[in-house]
Amino acid sequence: MRTQDGSRGRDGPTDEDLHELRDVIIHCDGSVEVLGGLSEDIARDVPVLCEQAKDFVLECVTELPVKTPVYAALVGLVNSKEGEFGERVVEATREALVESLNGEDVGQRTRARLLTRFLLMLSTVGVVSRKDALEYLSSLISSAKDLAEGGSVGWQPRADWLAYVALSALPWGGETLSKSEVSNEMEALLDMATEYCSARTTHPDAASTIIKSADGHEIDWFVDLCNRLNAARTDGNWHILSIPTIAEPFVETLSSAANAHGFAAIKLEQKKYANHTEAVAQYPGRSMLRYANASHSTVKLSPLTTAMKTHFFISR
């Protein structure tokens, strides 16, 4: 028999309780029953389980990234009842981003991208200020532009990566943000990305060259990304079939920004490289493999869905 704090009669949760909680969070499928019940359990036990639940969610975000919308919705539902939990998730996400954006370990590159995706999704479910989230993305692209203007040795690999971290998150929140009170800020962000795209050199790393498709067409990976995002903006279609949507019963609850928390700016450390090769080793380009017969599909898809179906982006 469990007591009110979720434990089995002892002082706080036992190892078995925490193992059970972690397992339930890992296997949360986003259904009304599971997501609703789990969010209520965590909200009730925030006084004793806040830190552990927060850690488990962040672990899942980086280890099971395809379920990022599910975990964002979970945090949003708990935050709507217990703001303390949402605040701690936002703080921990920021701390992890500071480390991954400034770290020397190449393994941090993917982590920064996944955490940024999560942060943007938190802004769509009332956990993070939408304005602050877009200001964070803008700061990454602004830093990329500054590096381009500075023109120091080996500037582009890191600049490309910073811009990519920001832009690759947009499809996960674009549908909501483009129709919200921050739509103008999102437009400005895409305009800034286009400016950076014009300032950079295409194909700076031979390893990032696209394998040619059947028509022999080849395009720089970053240019391709910007083109697809701008196409989504023009068409007003940010929907991607492979991204899970929030269960309908939760939409109204998660649309409120009443409990949204602020997100302080992150200071990026200056990096210096002896040459371009050294910079590329730290920030490898993005390789893409294209299906030669992808255009044979008779189903009309959005540019972003098409991109995800016709390309494999190799994470490094």
C-alpha atoms as a PDB file:
ATOM      1  CA  MET A   1       0.000   0.000   0.000  1.00  0.00           C
ATOM      2  CA  ARG A   2       1.415   3.383  -0.997  1.00  0.00           C
ATOM      3  CA  THR A   3       1.264   6.464   1.179  1.00  0.00           C
ATOM      4  CA  GLN A   4       0.382   9.899  -0.210  1.00  0.00           C
ATOM      5  CA  ASP A   5       4.010  10.638  -1.183  1.00  0.00           C
ATOM      6  CA  GLY A   6       4.070   7.604  -3.472  1.00  0.00           C
ATOM      7  CA  SER A   7       6.320   5.512  -1.239  1.00  0.00           C
ATOM      8  CA  ARG A   8       5.497   2.310   0.559  1.00  0.00           C
ATOM      9  CA  GLY A   9       5.337   3.700   4.066  1.00  0.00           C
ATOM     10  CA  ARG A  10       8.976   4.722   4.477  1.00  0.00           C
ATOM     11  CA  ASP A  11      10.652   8.135   4.476  1.00  0.00           C
ATOM     12  CA  GLY A  12      10.296   9.129   0.850  1.00  0.00           C
ATOM     13  CA  PRO A  13      10.388   6.936  -2.275  1.00  0.00           C
ATOM     14  CA  THR A  14      12.405   3.724  -2.266  1.00  0.00           C
ATOM     15  CA  ASP A  15      14.713   2.574  -5.045  1.00  0.00           C
ATOM     16  CA  GLU A  16      11.920   0.312  -6.192  1.00  0.00           C
ATOM     17  CA  ASP A  17       9.511   3.264  -6.341  1.00  0.00           C
ATOM     18  CA  LEU A  18      11.964   5.282  -8.416  1.00  0.00           C
ATOM     19  CA  HIS A  19      12.653   2.363 -10.745  1.00  0.00           C
ATOM     20  CA  GLU A  20       8.910   2.004 -11.271  1.00  0.00           C
ATOM     21  CA  LEU A  21       8.512   5.741 -11.941  1.00  0.00           C
ATOM     22  CA  ARG A  22      11.360   5.740 -14.461  1.00  0.00           C
ATOM     23  CA  ASP A  23       9.906   2.718 -16.227  1.00  0.00           C
ATOM     24  CA  VAL A  24       6.454   4.324 -16.497  1.00  0.00           C
ATOM     25  CA  ILE A  25       7.929   7.563 -17.871  1.00  0.00           C
ATOM     26  CA  ILE A  26      10.034   5.666 -20.423  1.00  0.00           C
ATOM     27  CA  HIS A  27       7.011   3.729 -21.667  1.00  0.00           C
ATOM     28  CA  CYS A  28       4.575   6.644 -21.628  1.00  0.00           C
ATOM     29  CA  ASP A  29       2.892   6.446 -25.043  1.00  0.00           C
ATOM     30  CA  GLY A  30       1.094   9.787 -25.049  1.00  0.00           C
ATOM     31  CA  SER A  31      -2.363   8.217 -24.848  1.00  0.00           C
ATOM     32  CA  VAL A  32      -5.068   9.978 -22.850  1.00  0.00           C
ATOM     33  CA  GLU A  33      -5.122   7.285 -20.177  1.00  0.00           C
ATOM     34  CA  VAL A  34      -1.385   6.923 -19.642  1.00  0.00           C
ATOM     35  CA  LEU A  35      -0.410  10.574 -20.029  1.00  0.00           C
ATOM     36  CA  GLY A  36      -3.321  11.791 -17.929  1.00  0.00           C
ATOM     37  CA  GLY A  37      -2.738   9.317 -15.124  1.00  0.00           C
ATOM     38  CA  LEU A  38       1.039   9.763 -15.034  1.00  0.00           C
ATOM     39  CA  SER A  39       0.824  13.562 -14.985  1.00  0.00           C
ATOM     40  CA  GLU A  40      -1.622  13.441 -12.075  1.00  0.00           C
ATOM     41  CA  ASP A  41       0.624  11.059 -10.142  1.00  0.00           C
ATOM     42  CA  ILE A  42       3.713  13.248 -10.624  1.00  0.00           C
ATOM     43  CA  ALA A  43       1.792  16.451  -9.812  1.00  0.00           C
ATOM     44  CA  ARG A  44       0.533  14.935  -6.573  1.00  0.00           C
ATOM     45  CA  ASP A  45       4.023  13.827  -5.554  1.00  0.00           C
ATOM     46  CA  VAL A  46       6.032  16.883  -6.678  1.00  0.00           C
ATOM     47  CA  PRO A  47       7.162  17.669  -3.102  1.00  0.00           C
ATOM     48  CA  VAL A  48       9.067  14.369  -2.905  1.00  0.00           C
ATOM     49  CA  LEU A  49       9.585  13.279  -6.520  1.00  0.00           C
ATOM     50  CA  CYS A  50      10.259  16.532  -8.378  1.00  0.00           C
ATOM     51  CA  GLU A  51      14.009  16.097  -8.905  1.00  0.00           C
ATOM     52  CA  GLN A  52      13.865  12.416  -9.797  1.00  0.00           C
ATOM     53  CA  ALA A  53      10.952  12.830 -12.208  1.00  0.00           C
ATOM     54  CA  LYS A  54      12.683  15.807 -13.822  1.00  0.00           C
ATOM     55  CA  ASP A  55      15.861  13.787 -14.326  1.00  0.00           C
ATOM     56  CA  PHE A  56      13.960  10.862 -15.831  1.00  0.00           C
ATOM     57  CA  VAL A  57      12.146  13.136 -18.302  1.00  0.00           C
ATOM     58  CA  LEU A  58      15.379  14.774 -19.467  1.00  0.00           C
ATOM     59  CA  GLU A  59      16.996  11.362 -19.845  1.00  0.00           C
ATOM     60  CA  CYS A  60      14.132  10.261 -22.083  1.00  0.00           C
ATOM     61  CA  VAL A  61      14.268  13.451 -24.159  1.00  0.00           C
ATOM     62  CA  THR A  62      17.853  12.717 -25.195  1.00  0.00           C
ATOM     63  CA  GLU A  63      17.568   8.927 -25.389  1.00  0.00           C
ATOM     64  CA  LEU A  64      14.089   8.646 -26.956  1.00  0.00           C
ATOM     65  CA  PRO A  65      13.936  11.871 -28.993  1.00  0.00           C
ATOM     66  CA  VAL A  66      11.125  10.734 -31.300  1.00  0.00           C
ATOM     67  CA  LYS A  67       8.843  10.953 -28.239  1.00  0.00           C
ATOM     68  CA  THR A  68       9.813  14.534 -27.418  1.00  0.00           C
ATOM     69  CA  PRO A  69       6.213  15.781 -27.956  1.00  0.00           C
ATOM     70  CA  VAL A  70       4.973  13.176 -25.477  1.00  0.00           C
ATOM     71  CA  TYR A  71       7.416  14.293 -22.784  1.00  0.00           C
ATOM     72  CA  ALA A  72       6.753  17.964 -23.474  1.00  0.00           C
ATOM     73  CA  ALA A  73       3.028  17.297 -23.039  1.00  0.00           C
ATOM     74  CA  LEU A  74       3.720  15.402 -19.808  1.00  0.00           C
ATOM     75  CA  VAL A  75       5.701  18.325 -18.394  1.00  0.00           C
ATOM     76  CA  GLY A  76       3.013  20.729 -19.580  1.00  0.00           C
ATOM     77  CA  LEU A  77       0.239  18.829 -17.818  1.00  0.00           C
ATOM     78  CA  VAL A  78       2.177  18.606 -14.563  1.00  0.00           C
ATOM     79  CA  ASN A  79       3.172  22.275 -14.847  1.00  0.00           C
ATOM     80  CA  SER A  80      -0.479  23.288 -15.225  1.00  0.00           C
ATOM     81  CA  LYS A  81      -1.095  21.879 -11.744  1.00  0.00           C
ATOM     82  CA  GLU A  82       2.319  22.265 -10.070  1.00  0.00           C
ATOM     83  CA  GLY A  83       4.416  25.069 -11.545  1.00  0.00           C
ATOM     84  CA  GLU A  84       7.410  24.083  -9.446  1.00  0.00           C
ATOM     85  CA  PHE A  85       7.961  21.007 -11.590  1.00  0.00           C
ATOM     86  CA  GLY A  86       7.869  22.937 -14.845  1.00  0.00           C
ATOM     87  CA  GLU A  87      10.255  25.524 -13.445  1.00  0.00           C
ATOM     88  CA  ARG A  88      12.782  22.860 -12.444  1.00  0.00           C
ATOM     89  CA  VAL A  89      12.567  21.192 -15.867  1.00  0.00           C
ATOM     90  CA  VAL A  90      13.225  24.539 -17.558  1.00  0.00           C
ATOM     91  CA  GLU A  91      16.160  25.288 -15.252  1.00  0.00           C
ATOM     92  CA  ALA A  92      17.685  21.852 -15.794  1.00  0.00           C
ATOM     93  CA  THR A  93      17.204  22.100 -19.564  1.00  0.00           C
ATOM     94  CA  ARG A  94      18.998  25.435 -19.588  1.00  0.00           C
ATOM     95  CA  GLU A  95      21.869  24.073 -17.478  1.00  0.00           C
ATOM     96  CA  ALA A  96      22.245  21.124 -19.859  1.00  0.00           C
ATOM     97  CA  LEU A  97      22.182  23.462 -22.877  1.00  0.00           C
ATOM     98  CA  VAL A  98      24.914  25.677 -21.411  1.00  0.00           C
ATOM     99  CA  GLU A  99      27.088  22.588 -21.039  1.00  0.00           C
ATOM    100  CA  SER A 100      26.328  21.055 -24.430  1.00  0.00           C
ATOM    101  CA  LEU A 101      26.561  24.292 -26.443  1.00  0.00           C
ATOM    102  CA  ASN A 102      29.945  25.158 -24.959  1.00  0.00           C
ATOM    103  CA  GLY A 103      31.386  21.662 -24.495  1.00  0.00           C
ATOM    104  CA  GLU A 104      34.391  20.243 -26.307  1.00  0.00           C
ATOM    105  CA  ASP A 105      33.013  16.699 -26.548  1.00  0.00           C
ATOM    106  CA  VAL A 106      31.696  16.013 -30.050  1.00  0.00           C
ATOM    107  CA  GLY A 107      29.027  13.841 -28.438  1.00  0.00           C
ATOM    108  CA  GLN A 108      27.447  17.010 -27.032  1.00  0.00           C
ATOM    109  CA  ARG A 109      26.469  18.176 -30.526  1.00  0.00           C
ATOM    110  CA  THR A 110      23.437  15.910 -30.802  1.00  0.00           C
ATOM    111  CA  ARG A 111      22.489  16.543 -27.177  1.00  0.00           C
ATOM    112  CA  ALA A 112      22.332  20.308 -27.767  1.00  0.00           C
ATOM    113  CA  ARG A 113      20.049  19.793 -30.753  1.00  0.00           C
ATOM    114  CA  LEU A 114      17.673  17.464 -28.889  1.00  0.00           C
ATOM    115  CA  LEU A 115      17.480  19.728 -25.841  1.00  0.00           C
ATOM    116  CA  THR A 116      16.758  22.723 -28.060  1.00  0.00           C
ATOM    117  CA  ARG A 117      13.963  20.769 -29.727  1.00  0.00           C
ATOM    118  CA  PHE A 118      12.552  19.959 -26.297  1.00  0.00           C
ATOM    119  CA  LEU A 119      12.774  23.579 -25.163  1.00  0.00           C
ATOM    120  CA  LEU A 120      10.867  24.782 -28.206  1.00  0.00           C
ATOM    121  CA  MET A 121       8.187  22.160 -27.631  1.00  0.00           C
ATOM    122  CA  LEU A 122       7.910  23.258 -23.992  1.00  0.00           C
ATOM    123  CA  SER A 123       7.030  26.713 -25.307  1.00  0.00           C
ATOM    124  CA  THR A 124       4.094  25.209 -27.235  1.00  0.00           C
ATOM    125  CA  VAL A 125       2.608  23.575 -24.119  1.00  0.00           C
ATOM    126  CA  GLY A 126       2.708  26.541 -21.746  1.00  0.00           C
ATOM    127  CA  VAL A 127       5.893  25.664 -19.853  1.00  0.00           C
ATOM    128  CA  VAL A 128       8.354  28.173 -21.355  1.00  0.00           C
ATOM    129  CA  SER A 129       7.707  31.703 -22.554  1.00  0.00           C
ATOM    130  CA  ARG A 130       7.353  31.498 -26.343  1.00  0.00           C
ATOM    131  CA  LYS A 131       9.088  34.821 -26.746  1.00  0.00           C
ATOM    132  CA  ASP A 132      12.045  33.638 -24.660  1.00  0.00           C
ATOM    133  CA  ALA A 133      12.274  30.385 -26.617  1.00  0.00           C
ATOM    134  CA  LEU A 134      12.437  32.206 -29.947  1.00  0.00           C
ATOM    135  CA  GLU A 135      14.934  34.703 -28.542  1.00  0.00           C
ATOM    136  CA  TYR A 136      17.136  31.750 -27.628  1.00  0.00           C
ATOM    137  CA  LEU A 137      16.935  30.358 -31.177  1.00  0.00           C
ATOM    138  CA  SER A 138      17.605  33.821 -32.577  1.00  0.00           C
ATOM    139  CA  SER A 139      20.677  34.162 -30.376  1.00  0.00           C
ATOM    140  CA  LEU A 140      22.159  31.020 -31.926  1.00  0.00           C
ATOM    141  CA  ILE A 141      21.682  32.284 -35.481  1.00  0.00           C
ATOM    142  CA  SER A 142      22.871  35.754 -34.480  1.00  0.00           C
ATOM    143  CA  SER A 143      26.054  34.176 -33.102  1.00  0.00           C
ATOM    144  CA  ALA A 144      26.495  32.315 -36.386  1.00  0.00           C
ATOM    145  CA  LYS A 145      26.182  35.596 -38.291  1.00  0.00           C
ATOM    146  CA  ASP A 146      28.714  37.243 -35.974  1.00  0.00           C
ATOM    147  CA  LEU A 147      31.184  34.440 -36.657  1.00  0.00           C
ATOM    148  CA  ALA A 148      30.665  34.878 -40.403  1.00  0.00           C
ATOM    149  CA  GLU A 149      31.251  38.617 -40.158  1.00  0.00           C
ATOM    150  CA  GLY A 150      34.338  38.101 -37.979  1.00  0.00           C
ATOM    151  CA  GLY A 151      35.846  35.719 -40.506  1.00  0.00           C
ATOM    152  CA  SER A 152      38.364  34.160 -38.110  1.00  0.00           C
ATOM    153  CA  VAL A 153      40.173  30.965 -39.080  1.00  0.00           C
ATOM    154  CA  GLY A 154      37.833  27.953 -39.094  1.00  0.00           C
ATOM    155  CA  TRP A 155      34.705  29.964 -38.256  1.00  0.00           C
ATOM    156  CA  GLN A 156      32.148  28.184 -40.429  1.00  0.00           C
ATOM    157  CA  PRO A 157      31.789  24.667 -38.971  1.00  0.00           C
ATOM    158  CA  ARG A 158      30.773  26.000 -35.551  1.00  0.00           C
ATOM    159  CA  ALA A 159      28.618  28.741 -37.078  1.00  0.00           C
ATOM    160  CA  ASP A 160      26.799  26.213 -39.277  1.00  0.00           C
ATOM    161  CA  TRP A 161      26.234  23.981 -36.274  1.00  0.00           C
ATOM    162  CA  LEU A 162      24.819  26.787 -34.102  1.00  0.00           C
ATOM    163  CA  ALA A 163      22.401  27.795 -36.851  1.00  0.00           C
ATOM    164  CA  TYR A 164      21.478  24.157 -37.441  1.00  0.00           C
ATOM    165  CA  VAL A 165      20.700  23.602 -33.743  1.00  0.00           C
ATOM    166  CA  ALA A 166      18.199  26.453 -33.951  1.00  0.00           C
ATOM    167  CA  LEU A 167      16.643  25.696 -37.328  1.00  0.00           C
ATOM    168  CA  SER A 168      16.290  21.935 -36.874  1.00  0.00           C
ATOM    169  CA  ALA A 169      14.016  22.572 -33.881  1.00  0.00           C
ATOM    170  CA  LEU A 170      11.508  24.664 -35.834  1.00  0.00           C
ATOM    171  CA  PRO A 171       9.546  21.802 -37.441  1.00  0.00           C
ATOM    172  CA  TRP A 172       8.738  20.521 -33.948  1.00  0.00           C
ATOM    173  CA  GLY A 173       7.030  23.746 -32.888  1.00  0.00           C
ATOM    174  CA  GLY A 174       6.425  25.633 -36.108  1.00  0.00           C
ATOM    175  CA  GLU A 175       2.779  24.604 -36.475  1.00  0.00           C
ATOM    176  CA  THR A 176       1.908  26.212 -33.131  1.00  0.00           C
ATOM    177  CA  LEU A 177       4.325  29.146 -33.084  1.00  0.00           C
ATOM    178  CA  SER A 178       3.558  30.308 -36.629  1.00  0.00           C
ATOM    179  CA  LYS A 179      -0.077  30.836 -35.598  1.00  0.00           C
ATOM    180  CA  SER A 180       0.622  32.336 -32.170  1.00  0.00           C
ATOM    181  CA  GLU A 181       1.431  35.745 -30.726  1.00  0.00           C
ATOM    182  CA  VAL A 182       5.106  35.239 -31.667  1.00  0.00           C
ATOM    183  CA  SER A 183       4.513  34.659 -35.381  1.00  0.00           C
ATOM    184  CA  ASN A 184       6.360  37.883 -36.236  1.00  0.00           C
ATOM    185  CA  GLU A 185       9.365  36.782 -34.184  1.00  0.00           C
ATOM    186  CA  MET A 186       9.358  33.472 -36.038  1.00  0.00           C
ATOM    187  CA  GLU A 187       9.313  35.310 -39.377  1.00  0.00           C
ATOM    188  CA  ALA A 188      12.262  37.420 -38.232  1.00  0.00           C
ATOM    189  CA  LEU A 189      14.130  34.273 -37.204  1.00  0.00           C
ATOM    190  CA  LEU A 190      13.720  32.738 -40.652  1.00  0.00           C
ATOM    191  CA  ASP A 191      14.791  35.997 -42.294  1.00  0.00           C
ATOM    192  CA  MET A 192      17.926  35.995 -40.144  1.00  0.00           C
ATOM    193  CA  ALA A 193      18.639  32.399 -41.171  1.00  0.00           C
ATOM    194  CA  THR A 194      18.336  33.367 -44.838  1.00  0.00           C
ATOM    195  CA  GLU A 195      20.841  36.187 -44.279  1.00  0.00           C
ATOM    196  CA  TYR A 196      23.287  33.790 -42.687  1.00  0.00           C
ATOM    197  CA  CYS A 197      22.758  31.307 -45.504  1.00  0.00           C
ATOM    198  CA  SER A 198      23.864  34.006 -47.966  1.00  0.00           C
ATOM    199  CA  ALA A 199      26.973  34.830 -45.914  1.00  0.00           C
ATOM    200  CA  ARG A 200      28.349  31.290 -45.646  1.00  0.00           C
ATOM    201  CA  THR A 201      30.339  29.228 -48.140  1.00  0.00           C
ATOM    202  CA  THR A 202      28.492  26.259 -49.643  1.00  0.00           C
ATOM    203  CA  HIS A 203      30.018  22.783 -49.411  1.00  0.00           C
ATOM    204  CA  PRO A 204      32.718  23.739 -46.891  1.00  0.00           C
ATOM    205  CA  ASP A 205      33.278  20.080 -45.996  1.00  0.00           C
ATOM    206  CA  ALA A 206      33.521  17.377 -48.643  1.00  0.00           C
ATOM    207  CA  ALA A 207      32.135  14.852 -46.139  1.00  0.00           C
ATOM    208  CA  SER A 208      28.832  16.753 -46.033  1.00  0.00           C
ATOM    209  CA  THR A 209      28.171  16.526 -49.780  1.00  0.00           C
ATOM    210  CA  ILE A 210      24.821  15.022 -50.693  1.00  0.00           C
ATOM    211  CA  ILE A 211      24.821  11.795 -52.660  1.00  0.00           C
ATOM    212  CA  LYS A 212      23.200  12.730 -55.968  1.00  0.00           C
ATOM    213  CA  SER A 213      19.629  11.677 -56.603  1.00  0.00           C
ATOM    214  CA  ALA A 214      18.280  10.251 -59.860  1.00  0.00           C
ATOM    215  CA  ASP A 215      18.082  13.681 -61.522  1.00  0.00           C
ATOM    216  CA  GLY A 216      21.730  14.366 -60.680  1.00  0.00           C
ATOM    217  CA  HIS A 217      20.812  17.437 -58.642  1.00  0.00           C
ATOM    218  CA  GLU A 218      23.055  18.300 -55.718  1.00  0.00           C
ATOM    219  CA  ILE A 219      22.618  21.002 -53.127  1.00  0.00           C
ATOM    220  CA  ASP A 220      24.450  22.107 -50.010  1.00  0.00           C
ATOM    221  CA  TRP A 221      22.811  20.631 -46.889  1.00  0.00           C
ATOM    222  CA  PHE A 222      22.312  23.957 -45.106  1.00  0.00           C
ATOM    223  CA  VAL A 223      20.856  25.626 -48.191  1.00  0.00           C
ATOM    224  CA  ASP A 224      18.481  22.673 -48.541  1.00  0.00           C
ATOM    225  CA  LEU A 225      17.388  23.066 -44.916  1.00  0.00           C
ATOM    226  CA  CYS A 226      16.717  26.793 -45.307  1.00  0.00           C
ATOM    227  CA  ASN A 227      14.823  26.224 -48.558  1.00  0.00           C
ATOM    228  CA  ARG A 228      12.522  23.680 -46.936  1.00  0.00           C
ATOM    229  CA  LEU A 229      11.847  25.862 -43.901  1.00  0.00           C
ATOM    230  CA  ASN A 230      11.042  28.824 -46.124  1.00  0.00           C
ATOM    231  CA  ALA A 231       8.752  26.616 -48.217  1.00  0.00           C
ATOM    232  CA  ALA A 232       6.913  25.626 -45.040  1.00  0.00           C
ATOM    233  CA  ARG A 233       6.598  29.305 -44.140  1.00  0.00           C
ATOM    234  CA  THR A 234       5.249  30.200 -47.573  1.00  0.00           C
ATOM    235  CA  ASP A 235       2.800  27.280 -47.651  1.00  0.00           C
ATOM    236  CA  GLY A 236       1.796  27.734 -44.022  1.00  0.00           C
ATOM    237  CA  ASN A 237       2.239  23.985 -43.574  1.00  0.00           C
ATOM    238  CA  TRP A 238       4.547  22.918 -40.740  1.00  0.00           C
ATOM    239  CA  HIS A 239       2.855  19.590 -40.126  1.00  0.00           C
ATOM    240  CA  ILE A 240       5.137  16.551 -40.199  1.00  0.00           C
ATOM    241  CA  LEU A 241       3.508  13.134 -40.256  1.00  0.00           C
ATOM    242  CA  SER A 242       6.195  11.477 -38.130  1.00  0.00           C
ATOM    243  CA  ILE A 243       5.887  13.930 -35.217  1.00  0.00           C
ATOM    244  CA  PRO A 244       3.312  12.747 -32.639  1.00  0.00           C
ATOM    245  CA  THR A 245       0.493  15.196 -31.937  1.00  0.00           C
ATOM    246  CA  ILE A 246      -0.924  16.020 -28.522  1.00  0.00           C
ATOM    247  CA  ALA A 247      -4.042  14.071 -27.554  1.00  0.00           C
ATOM    248  CA  GLU A 248      -7.135  16.221 -28.195  1.00  0.00           C
ATOM    249  CA  PRO A 249      -8.395  16.253 -24.558  1.00  0.00           C
ATOM    250  CA  PHE A 250      -5.183  18.006 -23.467  1.00  0.00           C
ATOM    251  CA  VAL A 251      -4.986  20.684 -26.161  1.00  0.00           C
ATOM    252  CA  GLU A 252      -6.974  23.338 -24.278  1.00  0.00           C
ATOM    253  CA  THR A 253      -5.084  22.803 -21.021  1.00  0.00           C
ATOM    254  CA  LEU A 254      -1.694  22.970 -22.732  1.00  0.00           C
ATOM    255  CA  SER A 255      -2.546  26.027 -24.826  1.00  0.00           C
ATOM    256  CA  SER A 256      -2.506  28.264 -21.748  1.00  0.00           C
ATOM    257  CA  ALA A 257       0.660  30.240 -21.024  1.00  0.00           C
ATOM    258  CA  ALA A 258      -0.480  31.232 -17.528  1.00  0.00           C
ATOM    259  CA  ASN A 259       2.233  29.102 -15.881  1.00  0.00           C
ATOM    260  CA  ALA A 260       4.947  29.700 -18.487  1.00  0.00           C
ATOM    261  CA  HIS A 261       8.429  30.225 -17.088  1.00  0.00           C
ATOM    262  CA  GLY A 262      11.162  32.537 -18.327  1.00  0.00           C
ATOM    263  CA  PHE A 263      14.301  31.298 -20.053  1.00  0.00           C
ATOM    264  CA  ALA A 264      17.428  33.363 -19.447  1.00  0.00           C
ATOM    265  CA  ALA A 265      19.880  34.036 -22.267  1.00  0.00           C
ATOM    266  CA  ILE A 266      22.791  31.622 -22.675  1.00  0.00           C
ATOM    267  CA  LYS A 267      26.299  32.984 -23.132  1.00  0.00           C
ATOM    268  CA  LEU A 268      28.291  31.147 -25.786  1.00  0.00           C
ATOM    269  CA  GLU A 269      32.007  30.742 -25.270  1.00  0.00           C
ATOM    270  CA  GLN A 270      34.445  31.911 -27.943  1.00  0.00           C
ATOM    271  CA  LYS A 271      36.254  29.117 -29.762  1.00  0.00           C
ATOM    272  CA  LYS A 272      39.511  29.369 -31.708  1.00  0.00           C
ATOM    273  CA  TYR A 273      40.911  26.921 -34.230  1.00  0.00           C
ATOM    274  CA  ALA A 274      44.278  26.634 -35.900  1.00  0.00           C
ATOM    275  CA  ASN A 275      42.696  25.804 -39.249  1.00  0.00           C
ATOM    276  CA  HIS A 276      39.489  24.674 -40.972  1.00  0.00           C
ATOM    277  CA  THR A 277      40.336  20.977 -40.557  1.00  0.00           C
ATOM    278  CA  GLU A 278      40.542  21.313 -36.790  1.00  0.00           C
ATOM    279  CA  ALA A 279      37.191  23.113 -36.716  1.00  0.00           C
ATOM    280  CA  VAL A 280      35.522  20.456 -38.883  1.00  0.00           C
ATOM    281  CA  ALA A 281      36.771  17.747 -36.532  1.00  0.00           C
ATOM    282  CA  GLN A 282      34.895  19.470 -33.689  1.00  0.00           C
ATOM    283  CA  TYR A 283      31.812  20.363 -35.720  1.00  0.00           C
ATOM    284  CA  PRO A 284      31.410  17.876 -38.594  1.00  0.00           C
ATOM    285  CA  GLY A 285      29.138  18.734 -41.499  1.00  0.00           C
ATOM    286  CA  ARG A 286      25.791  17.073 -41.978  1.00  0.00           C
ATOM    287  CA  SER A 287      25.861  14.112 -44.377  1.00  0.00           C
ATOM    288  CA  MET A 288      22.653  13.264 -46.225  1.00  0.00           C
ATOM    289  CA  LEU A 289      21.646  10.145 -48.123  1.00  0.00           C
ATOM    290  CA  ARG A 290      18.816  10.569 -50.603  1.00  0.00           C
ATOM    291  CA  TYR A 291      16.385   7.941 -51.873  1.00  0.00           C
ATOM    292  CA  ALA A 292      16.644   7.964 -55.657  1.00  0.00           C
ATOM    293  CA  ASN A 293      12.971   7.003 -56.087  1.00  0.00           C
ATOM    294  CA  ALA A 294      11.487   9.250 -53.414  1.00  0.00           C
ATOM    295  CA  SER A 295       9.723  11.416 -55.989  1.00  0.00           C
ATOM    296  CA  HIS A 296       7.674   8.437 -57.201  1.00  0.00           C
ATOM    297  CA  SER A 297       5.264   8.744 -54.281  1.00  0.00           C
ATOM    298  CA  THR A 298       1.711   9.744 -55.278  1.00  0.00           C
ATOM    299  CA  VAL A 299       0.950  11.181 -51.815  1.00  0.00           C
ATOM    300  CA  LYS A 300       1.236  14.970 -51.572  1.00  0.00           C
ATOM    301  CA  LEU A 301       3.430  15.807 -48.582  1.00  0.00           C
ATOM    302  CA  SER A 302       4.608  19.035 -47.016  1.00  0.00           C
ATOM    303  CA  PRO A 303       8.208  20.113 -47.806  1.00  0.00           C
ATOM    304  CA  LEU A 304       9.267  19.204 -44.267  1.00  0.00           C
ATOM    305  CA  THR A 305       7.641  15.760 -44.333  1.00  0.00           C
ATOM    306  CA  THR A 306       9.207  15.175 -47.753  1.00  0.00           C
ATOM    307  CA  ALA A 307      12.592  16.110 -46.356  1.00  0.00           C
ATOM    308  CA  MET A 308      12.256  13.642 -43.514  1.00  0.00           C
ATOM    309  CA  LYS A 309      11.080  10.878 -45.866  1.00  0.00           C
ATOM    310  CA  THR A 310      13.730  11.457 -48.538  1.00  0.00           C
ATOM    311  CA  HIS A 311      16.791  12.138 -46.414  1.00  0.00           C
ATOM    312  CA  PHE A 312      18.678  10.489 -43.625  1.00  0.00           C
ATOM    313  CA  PHE A 313      20.510  13.085 -41.544  1.00  0.00           C
ATOM    314  CA  ILE A 314      23.528  11.353 -40.018  1.00  0.00           C
ATOM    315  CA  SER A 315      24.080  12.582 -36.433  1.00  0.00           C
ATOM    316  CA  ARG A 316      27.664  12.887 -35.270  1.00  0.00           C
END
